[in-house]
């Protein structure tokens, strides 16, 4: 009970009877509390590293502001993760759409503000990640309570800088439970965790004998010249090689508790090349969020998300930036494409980074709505990202890709 309410009760009520259930601000005993100390500019890299280290993660990332939640979600989408934002600027229809995907586990990571997350009741949330610690300790208790429901266990993680360790001690005193100081895993540890996560999923996969039997003869014929050991090596290397390459020489992201690093927050915009600003005649009236638009552009063009810059979503149209080297690819991809029966029109914006000039019109054609998550693996399925495959739950692909973490 807030102190202000208690004072009113004491002043105006006569001999009130008070019932207490549980303890004040105590957290679920099944929740483990961890914190990672990093430099401010490496918070986002640490977030990705933590997600990659937990391939089965199904969690909520909490931020303080609406802008930050949107930026982090967009950056995760660009880097190939199944993520989306939930904040106060979304319409009720957009909010319902995001929550439907999260409940169905089409989303692996939901990035939310405290206000927007009120009322979220989703089972099986494995992790809660505090990208920024809340000012009110009570809000931390509410955040961590999103996991470990119905007798399950869960993990509440805080990504902090050196100057925030005092807040951790304060939260410990209030909730009556100690935080574990954890180290952001190095590249080798992430690769090892992902490899054995993949092996575990293969070992426990449910085989549909009736559907697979007609193909077994051709499959056995394809692999007849390989030994069991050779087949296992090639299977594991198919996806593991890319992790090894990505995390080769990955930097140490850990900072000392007593290191007080000022300012220098991370930059969400990826890519260092020149960007060109383009116009598209789709917007929020077509039920697009900025995350939806990013996925639509990636799926339609095969361009990686980190090659797409700022997206300005309007009512019946939008502007987006793309690396100048990819403009011709956008042109080719949108020839003879349409969206829900509408011709998609792409034009060079007059205030584009290159000085405007005459508008170039790109075409439109036949394409089904792409409101869902991205499909495919980075190498070979055309989307240029690696998210989960369609109609699979969150464990079907390890979460990974993007800038070096």
Protein backbone atom coordinates (compact mmCIF):
# COMPACT_ATOMS: atom_id res chain seq x y z
CA UNK A 1 0.00 0.00 0.00
CA UNK A 2 1.49 3.38 -0.94
CA UNK A 3 2.42 5.55 2.06
CA UNK A 4 0.02 8.29 0.93
CA UNK A 5 -2.94 5.87 0.90
CA UNK A 6 -1.92 4.48 4.28
CA UNK A 7 -1.90 7.99 5.78
CA UNK A 8 -5.41 8.64 4.48
CA UNK A 9 -6.60 5.33 5.93
CA UNK A 10 -5.07 6.10 9.31
CA UNK A 11 -6.63 9.58 9.36
CA UNK A 12 -10.18 8.78 8.30
CA UNK A 13 -10.85 5.10 9.15
CA UNK A 14 -11.74 3.81 12.62
CA UNK A 15 -10.08 0.56 13.71
CA UNK A 16 -9.53 -0.77 10.17
CA UNK A 17 -8.69 -4.46 9.77
CA UNK A 18 -5.69 -5.15 7.56
CA UNK A 19 -5.08 -8.43 5.70
CA UNK A 20 -1.56 -9.16 4.48
CA UNK A 21 -0.86 -11.82 1.86
CA UNK A 22 2.83 -12.51 1.28
CA UNK A 23 5.48 -9.93 2.02
CA UNK A 24 5.86 -6.38 0.81
CA UNK A 25 7.63 -6.16 -2.58
CA UNK A 26 8.91 -9.74 -2.29
CA UNK A 27 9.63 -11.41 -5.61
CA UNK A 28 8.85 -14.93 -6.77
CA UNK A 29 11.26 -17.36 -5.12
CA UNK A 30 11.59 -19.25 -8.44
CA UNK A 31 13.20 -16.26 -10.16
CA UNK A 32 16.98 -15.96 -10.43
CA UNK A 33 18.27 -12.39 -10.54
CA UNK A 34 21.40 -11.64 -12.56
CA UNK A 35 23.19 -8.49 -13.62
CA UNK A 36 25.82 -7.74 -16.26
CA UNK A 37 28.11 -4.70 -16.05
CA UNK A 38 29.03 -3.27 -19.47
CA UNK A 39 30.16 0.01 -20.99
CA UNK A 40 27.22 2.25 -22.01
CA UNK A 41 27.97 2.09 -25.74
CA UNK A 42 27.98 -1.73 -25.62
CA UNK A 43 24.59 -2.30 -24.00
CA UNK A 44 22.93 -3.30 -27.25
CA UNK A 45 25.81 -5.65 -28.18
CA UNK A 46 25.51 -7.25 -24.73
CA UNK A 47 21.76 -7.69 -25.20
CA UNK A 48 22.35 -9.59 -28.45
CA UNK A 49 25.11 -11.69 -26.87
CA UNK A 50 22.82 -12.67 -23.97
CA UNK A 51 19.99 -13.60 -26.35
CA UNK A 52 22.37 -15.69 -28.48
CA UNK A 53 23.65 -17.45 -25.36
CA UNK A 54 20.06 -18.52 -24.56
CA UNK A 55 18.82 -20.09 -27.83
CA UNK A 56 15.49 -21.12 -26.27
CA UNK A 57 14.78 -17.67 -24.85
CA UNK A 58 11.19 -16.40 -24.94
CA UNK A 59 11.34 -13.10 -23.14
CA UNK A 60 10.50 -9.46 -22.56
CA UNK A 61 13.03 -6.61 -22.75
CA UNK A 62 12.01 -3.60 -20.66
CA UNK A 63 13.01 -0.02 -21.54
CA UNK A 64 12.18 3.34 -20.00
CA UNK A 65 10.91 5.22 -23.05
CA UNK A 66 8.72 4.58 -26.07
CA UNK A 67 11.42 5.79 -28.46
CA UNK A 68 14.02 3.47 -26.98
CA UNK A 69 11.72 0.45 -27.15
CA UNK A 70 10.96 1.12 -30.82
CA UNK A 71 14.63 1.68 -31.71
CA UNK A 72 15.82 -1.48 -29.96
CA UNK A 73 13.07 -3.58 -31.55
CA UNK A 74 13.89 -2.23 -35.02
CA UNK A 75 17.59 -2.89 -34.50
CA UNK A 76 16.89 -6.47 -33.40
CA UNK A 77 14.68 -7.02 -36.45
CA UNK A 78 17.42 -5.66 -38.72
CA UNK A 79 19.88 -8.05 -37.10
CA UNK A 80 17.65 -11.03 -37.80
CA UNK A 81 15.86 -11.61 -34.51
CA UNK A 82 12.12 -12.19 -34.16
CA UNK A 83 11.31 -9.09 -32.15
CA UNK A 84 8.74 -6.31 -31.96
CA UNK A 85 7.90 -3.32 -29.78
CA UNK A 86 4.98 -2.67 -27.45
CA UNK A 87 4.54 0.94 -26.32
CA UNK A 88 1.99 3.70 -25.89
CA UNK A 89 2.24 5.08 -29.43
CA UNK A 90 0.68 1.93 -30.90
CA UNK A 91 -3.02 1.84 -31.70
CA UNK A 92 -5.13 -0.80 -29.97
CA UNK A 93 -5.23 -2.76 -33.23
CA UNK A 94 -1.46 -2.69 -33.54
CA UNK A 95 -1.06 -3.65 -29.88
CA UNK A 96 -3.42 -6.62 -30.30
CA UNK A 97 -1.48 -7.72 -33.37
CA UNK A 98 1.85 -7.67 -31.51
CA UNK A 99 0.43 -9.48 -28.48
CA UNK A 100 -1.18 -12.15 -30.67
CA UNK A 101 2.18 -12.90 -32.26
CA UNK A 102 3.87 -12.97 -28.86
CA UNK A 103 1.32 -15.35 -27.33
CA UNK A 104 1.64 -17.63 -30.36
CA UNK A 105 5.45 -17.52 -29.93
CA UNK A 106 5.93 -16.10 -33.41
CA UNK A 107 7.91 -13.44 -31.56
CA UNK A 108 10.91 -14.48 -29.53
CA UNK A 109 11.62 -11.11 -27.90
CA UNK A 110 9.09 -8.42 -26.99
CA UNK A 111 10.54 -4.96 -26.28
CA UNK A 112 8.18 -3.00 -24.03
CA UNK A 113 7.79 -0.05 -21.69
CA UNK A 114 6.40 -0.48 -18.17
CA UNK A 115 3.12 1.22 -19.02
CA UNK A 116 2.52 -0.77 -22.22
CA UNK A 117 3.36 -4.06 -20.49
CA UNK A 118 0.65 -3.69 -17.85
CA UNK A 119 -1.83 -6.50 -18.16
CA UNK A 120 0.47 -8.82 -20.12
CA UNK A 121 -0.34 -12.34 -18.97
CA UNK A 122 1.68 -14.78 -21.08
CA UNK A 123 2.84 -18.14 -19.79
CA UNK A 124 6.26 -19.69 -20.36
CA UNK A 125 8.20 -16.41 -20.42
CA UNK A 126 11.74 -17.63 -19.69
CA UNK A 127 13.61 -14.32 -19.29
CA UNK A 128 12.92 -10.72 -18.36
CA UNK A 129 15.73 -8.36 -19.41
CA UNK A 130 16.00 -4.88 -17.89
CA UNK A 131 17.75 -2.84 -20.57
CA UNK A 132 17.37 0.09 -18.18
CA UNK A 133 16.60 -0.33 -14.47
CA UNK A 134 13.35 1.36 -13.38
CA UNK A 135 13.44 4.29 -10.97
CA UNK A 136 10.87 2.61 -8.73
CA UNK A 137 11.86 -0.69 -7.12
CA UNK A 138 8.21 -1.75 -7.17
CA UNK A 139 8.33 -1.60 -10.97
CA UNK A 140 11.28 -4.00 -10.93
CA UNK A 141 9.17 -6.47 -8.95
CA UNK A 142 6.36 -6.17 -11.49
CA UNK A 143 8.80 -6.64 -14.39
CA UNK A 144 10.45 -9.74 -12.97
CA UNK A 145 7.04 -11.18 -12.13
CA UNK A 146 6.32 -11.64 -15.84
CA UNK A 147 8.41 -14.81 -15.70
CA UNK A 148 8.31 -17.89 -13.44
CA UNK A 149 4.52 -18.16 -13.45
CA UNK A 150 2.47 -21.22 -12.45
CA UNK A 151 5.33 -22.74 -10.47
CA UNK A 152 7.88 -22.46 -13.28
CA UNK A 153 11.34 -20.98 -12.93
CA UNK A 154 12.65 -17.89 -14.71
CA UNK A 155 15.51 -15.43 -14.94
CA UNK A 156 15.44 -11.66 -14.46
CA UNK A 157 18.47 -9.95 -16.00
CA UNK A 158 19.71 -6.38 -15.61
CA UNK A 159 22.18 -4.88 -18.10
CA UNK A 160 23.82 -2.02 -16.23
CA UNK A 161 26.80 0.32 -16.28
CA UNK A 162 29.22 0.75 -13.37
CA UNK A 163 27.32 3.67 -11.89
CA UNK A 164 24.14 1.57 -11.55
CA UNK A 165 25.54 -0.99 -9.09
CA UNK A 166 24.09 1.04 -6.21
CA UNK A 167 20.60 0.49 -7.61
CA UNK A 168 21.23 -3.27 -7.65
CA UNK A 169 22.11 -3.17 -3.92
CA UNK A 170 18.95 -1.15 -3.24
CA UNK A 171 16.74 -3.63 -5.10
CA UNK A 172 18.38 -6.52 -3.22
CA UNK A 173 17.47 -4.95 0.11
CA UNK A 174 13.85 -4.44 -0.90
CA UNK A 175 13.15 -7.84 -2.51
CA UNK A 176 15.26 -9.75 0.03
CA UNK A 177 17.20 -11.67 -2.59
CA UNK A 178 20.76 -11.41 -3.86
CA UNK A 179 21.66 -10.74 -7.49
CA UNK A 180 24.24 -12.94 -9.20
CA UNK A 181 26.94 -10.96 -10.98
CA UNK A 182 27.32 -12.69 -14.35
CA UNK A 183 29.87 -12.24 -17.11
CA UNK A 184 28.74 -11.49 -20.65
CA UNK A 185 29.71 -14.73 -22.42
CA UNK A 186 32.54 -14.71 -24.93
CA UNK A 187 32.20 -15.82 -28.54
CA UNK A 188 33.38 -19.38 -27.86
CA UNK A 189 30.79 -19.90 -25.11
CA UNK A 190 27.99 -18.62 -27.35
CA UNK A 191 29.01 -20.92 -30.22
CA UNK A 192 29.21 -23.91 -27.89
CA UNK A 193 25.79 -23.16 -26.39
CA UNK A 194 24.19 -22.76 -29.82
CA UNK A 195 25.77 -25.98 -31.14
CA UNK A 196 24.55 -28.15 -28.29
CA UNK A 197 21.18 -26.39 -28.35
CA UNK A 198 20.88 -27.49 -31.96
CA UNK A 199 21.98 -31.05 -31.10
CA UNK A 200 19.43 -31.16 -28.27
CA UNK A 201 16.59 -30.06 -30.54
CA UNK A 202 17.51 -32.66 -33.16
CA UNK A 203 17.70 -35.39 -30.52
CA UNK A 204 14.23 -34.57 -29.20
CA UNK A 205 12.43 -33.78 -32.46
CA UNK A 206 9.19 -35.69 -33.00
CA UNK A 207 9.41 -37.66 -36.26
CA UNK A 208 6.25 -37.96 -38.35
CA UNK A 209 6.87 -41.44 -39.74
CA UNK A 210 3.90 -41.36 -42.10
CA UNK A 211 4.98 -38.16 -43.84
CA UNK A 212 8.74 -38.80 -43.95
CA UNK A 213 8.65 -42.44 -45.11
CA UNK A 214 7.98 -41.68 -48.81
CA UNK A 215 11.20 -39.63 -48.95
CA UNK A 216 13.52 -41.94 -47.01
CA UNK A 217 14.68 -43.91 -50.05
CA UNK A 218 15.91 -40.76 -51.82
CA UNK A 219 17.42 -39.41 -48.60
CA UNK A 220 19.34 -42.64 -47.97
CA UNK A 221 20.52 -42.64 -51.58
CA UNK A 222 21.88 -39.11 -51.21
CA UNK A 223 23.86 -40.01 -48.08
CA UNK A 224 24.91 -43.56 -48.97
CA UNK A 225 28.58 -42.60 -49.49
CA UNK A 226 28.88 -40.94 -46.04
CA UNK A 227 29.64 -42.57 -42.72
CA UNK A 228 27.61 -41.77 -39.62
CA UNK A 229 30.43 -39.58 -38.27
CA UNK A 230 30.80 -37.68 -41.55
CA UNK A 231 27.03 -37.07 -41.75
CA UNK A 232 26.93 -35.72 -38.17
CA UNK A 233 29.90 -33.41 -38.83
CA UNK A 234 28.34 -31.96 -41.97
CA UNK A 235 24.96 -31.52 -40.35
CA UNK A 236 26.42 -29.69 -37.35
CA UNK A 237 28.66 -27.55 -39.57
CA UNK A 238 25.77 -26.46 -41.79
CA UNK A 239 24.68 -23.81 -39.30
CA UNK A 240 27.56 -23.83 -36.81
CA UNK A 241 30.19 -22.55 -39.28
CA UNK A 242 28.44 -19.19 -39.53
CA UNK A 243 28.44 -18.78 -35.76
CA UNK A 244 32.15 -19.51 -35.64
CA UNK A 245 32.85 -16.94 -38.34
CA UNK A 246 30.62 -14.32 -36.74
CA UNK A 247 32.10 -14.64 -33.25
CA UNK A 248 35.71 -14.97 -34.30
CA UNK A 249 37.74 -12.39 -32.34
CA UNK A 250 34.54 -11.18 -30.61
CA UNK A 251 35.48 -8.48 -28.04
CA UNK A 252 35.06 -8.75 -24.29
CA UNK A 253 31.98 -6.71 -23.37
CA UNK A 254 32.38 -6.84 -19.60
CA UNK A 255 33.24 -3.71 -17.61
CA UNK A 256 34.41 -3.49 -14.02
CA UNK A 257 31.86 -2.57 -11.36
CA UNK A 258 33.93 0.42 -10.28
CA UNK A 259 34.55 1.74 -13.77
CA UNK A 260 32.45 4.86 -14.19
CA UNK A 261 32.03 5.42 -17.89
CA UNK A 262 30.13 8.53 -18.87
CA UNK A 263 27.65 9.03 -21.69
CA UNK A 264 28.57 7.44 -24.99
CA UNK A 265 25.34 5.55 -25.56
CA UNK A 266 25.11 3.08 -28.46
CA UNK A 267 24.08 4.02 -31.95
CA UNK A 268 21.09 2.17 -33.34
CA UNK A 269 21.67 3.05 -36.95
CA UNK A 270 23.66 0.37 -38.73
CA UNK A 271 25.83 0.52 -41.79
CA UNK A 272 28.44 3.07 -42.69
CA UNK A 273 27.63 3.61 -46.35
CA UNK A 274 25.72 6.37 -48.11
CA UNK A 275 21.94 6.11 -47.82
CA UNK A 276 19.27 7.05 -50.35
CA UNK A 277 15.81 8.11 -49.18
CA UNK A 278 12.86 6.52 -51.01
CA UNK A 279 9.09 6.98 -51.00
CA UNK A 280 6.60 4.08 -50.82
CA UNK A 281 2.82 4.43 -51.06
CA UNK A 282 2.09 2.21 -48.03
CA UNK A 283 1.67 3.43 -44.48
CA UNK A 284 -0.12 3.08 -41.17
CA UNK A 285 -3.56 2.86 -42.85
CA UNK A 286 -2.36 -0.45 -44.28
CA UNK A 287 -1.87 -1.68 -40.69
CA UNK A 288 1.93 -1.28 -40.85
CA UNK A 289 4.14 -0.50 -37.90
CA UNK A 290 7.75 0.47 -38.55
CA UNK A 291 8.75 -3.08 -37.67
CA UNK A 292 6.19 -4.47 -40.13
CA UNK A 293 7.47 -2.14 -42.85
CA UNK A 294 11.04 -3.24 -42.22
CA UNK A 295 10.07 -6.90 -42.52
CA UNK A 296 8.04 -6.20 -45.67
CA UNK A 297 10.97 -4.43 -47.32
CA UNK A 298 13.42 -7.19 -46.37
CA UNK A 299 11.09 -9.97 -47.56
CA UNK A 300 10.24 -8.16 -50.80
CA UNK A 301 13.78 -7.22 -51.78
CA UNK A 302 16.03 -9.80 -50.14
CA UNK A 303 18.08 -6.95 -48.66
CA UNK A 304 19.50 -7.38 -45.18
CA UNK A 305 17.88 -5.30 -42.48
CA UNK A 306 21.17 -3.61 -41.59
CA UNK A 307 21.24 -2.04 -45.07
CA UNK A 308 17.95 -0.24 -44.44
CA UNK A 309 18.15 2.98 -42.45
CA UNK A 310 15.52 5.28 -40.99
CA UNK A 311 11.85 4.51 -41.66
CA UNK A 312 9.34 7.40 -41.42
CA UNK A 313 5.84 5.89 -41.30
CA UNK A 314 3.01 8.21 -42.37
CA UNK A 315 -0.69 7.62 -42.97
CA UNK A 316 -1.01 6.55 -46.62
CA UNK A 317 2.68 6.62 -47.48
CA UNK A 318 6.12 6.26 -45.89
CA UNK A 319 9.77 7.12 -46.46
CA UNK A 320 12.66 4.74 -45.93
CA UNK A 321 16.41 4.91 -46.38
CA UNK A 322 18.43 2.20 -48.11
CA UNK A 323 22.13 1.99 -48.86
CA UNK A 324 22.67 3.63 -52.22
CA UNK A 325 24.27 0.51 -53.67
CA UNK A 326 21.00 -1.37 -53.09
CA UNK A 327 18.64 1.10 -54.83
CA UNK A 328 18.71 -0.79 -58.14
CA UNK A 329 17.84 -4.00 -56.29
CA UNK A 330 14.83 -2.28 -54.74
CA UNK A 331 13.82 -1.14 -58.23
CA UNK A 332 13.96 -4.67 -59.62
CA UNK A 333 12.22 -6.24 -56.63
CA UNK A 334 9.16 -3.99 -56.78
CA UNK A 335 8.51 -4.40 -60.48
CA UNK A 336 5.03 -5.90 -60.96
CA UNK A 337 4.38 -6.28 -57.22
CA UNK A 338 1.22 -5.26 -55.41
CA UNK A 339 0.07 -5.32 -51.81
CA UNK A 340 -3.46 -6.47 -51.04
CA UNK A 341 -4.53 -5.54 -54.57
CA UNK A 342 -2.85 -2.11 -54.54
CA UNK A 343 0.02 -1.31 -56.87
CA UNK A 344 3.12 -0.56 -54.81
CA UNK A 345 4.82 2.61 -56.02
CA UNK A 346 8.39 3.47 -55.09
CA UNK A 347 9.89 6.87 -55.90
CA UNK A 348 13.15 8.63 -55.21
CA UNK A 349 12.52 11.22 -52.53
CA UNK A 350 13.31 14.81 -53.46
CA UNK A 351 15.32 15.27 -50.26
CA UNK A 352 17.30 12.07 -50.75
CA UNK A 353 20.95 11.93 -49.70
CA UNK A 354 22.36 12.47 -53.11
CA UNK A 355 20.61 15.65 -53.90
CA UNK A 356 17.14 14.76 -55.13
CA UNK A 357 16.90 15.22 -58.87
CA UNK A 358 14.23 13.62 -61.01
CA UNK A 359 12.07 11.06 -59.25
CA UNK A 360 12.52 7.46 -60.38
CA UNK A 361 9.39 5.33 -60.26
CA UNK A 362 9.64 1.71 -59.31
CA UNK A 363 6.91 -0.82 -59.97
CA UNK A 364 4.40 -2.95 -58.02
CA UNK A 365 2.78 -6.51 -58.55
CA UNK A 366 1.47 -9.59 -56.73
CA UNK A 367 2.55 -10.20 -53.15
CA UNK A 368 0.66 -11.51 -50.15
CA UNK A 369 0.69 -9.61 -46.90
CA UNK A 370 3.96 -9.93 -45.05
CA UNK A 371 2.96 -8.95 -41.58
CA UNK A 372 4.68 -11.97 -40.01
CA UNK A 373 8.28 -12.62 -39.10
CA UNK A 374 11.06 -13.03 -41.60
CA UNK A 375 11.63 -16.41 -43.21
CA UNK A 376 14.75 -18.36 -43.86
CA UNK A 377 18.42 -18.54 -42.97
CA UNK A 378 20.89 -15.93 -44.05
CA UNK A 379 22.41 -18.16 -46.74
CA UNK A 380 20.02 -19.35 -49.35
CA UNK A 381 16.40 -18.45 -48.72
CA UNK A 382 16.33 -14.99 -50.15
CA UNK A 383 15.24 -12.88 -47.23
CA UNK A 384 18.74 -11.87 -46.25
CA UNK A 385 17.97 -12.52 -42.59
CA UNK A 386 17.78 -15.53 -40.48
CA UNK A 387 14.71 -15.51 -38.29
CA UNK A 388 12.51 -18.53 -37.68
CA UNK A 389 10.72 -20.35 -40.44
CA UNK A 390 7.02 -19.69 -40.86
CA UNK A 391 4.59 -21.49 -38.56
CA UNK A 392 7.31 -22.74 -36.23
CA UNK A 393 7.61 -22.01 -32.54
CA UNK A 394 10.41 -19.98 -31.11
CA UNK A 395 12.84 -22.88 -30.68
CA UNK A 396 13.14 -23.79 -34.36
CA UNK A 397 16.12 -21.56 -35.14
CA UNK A 398 18.81 -20.06 -32.92
CA UNK A 399 18.49 -16.31 -32.57
CA UNK A 400 21.48 -14.72 -34.19
CA UNK A 401 22.78 -12.34 -36.80
CA UNK A 402 23.83 -8.81 -37.32
CA UNK A 403 26.70 -6.61 -36.22
CA UNK A 404 29.46 -8.19 -34.21
CA UNK A 405 28.44 -8.40 -30.56
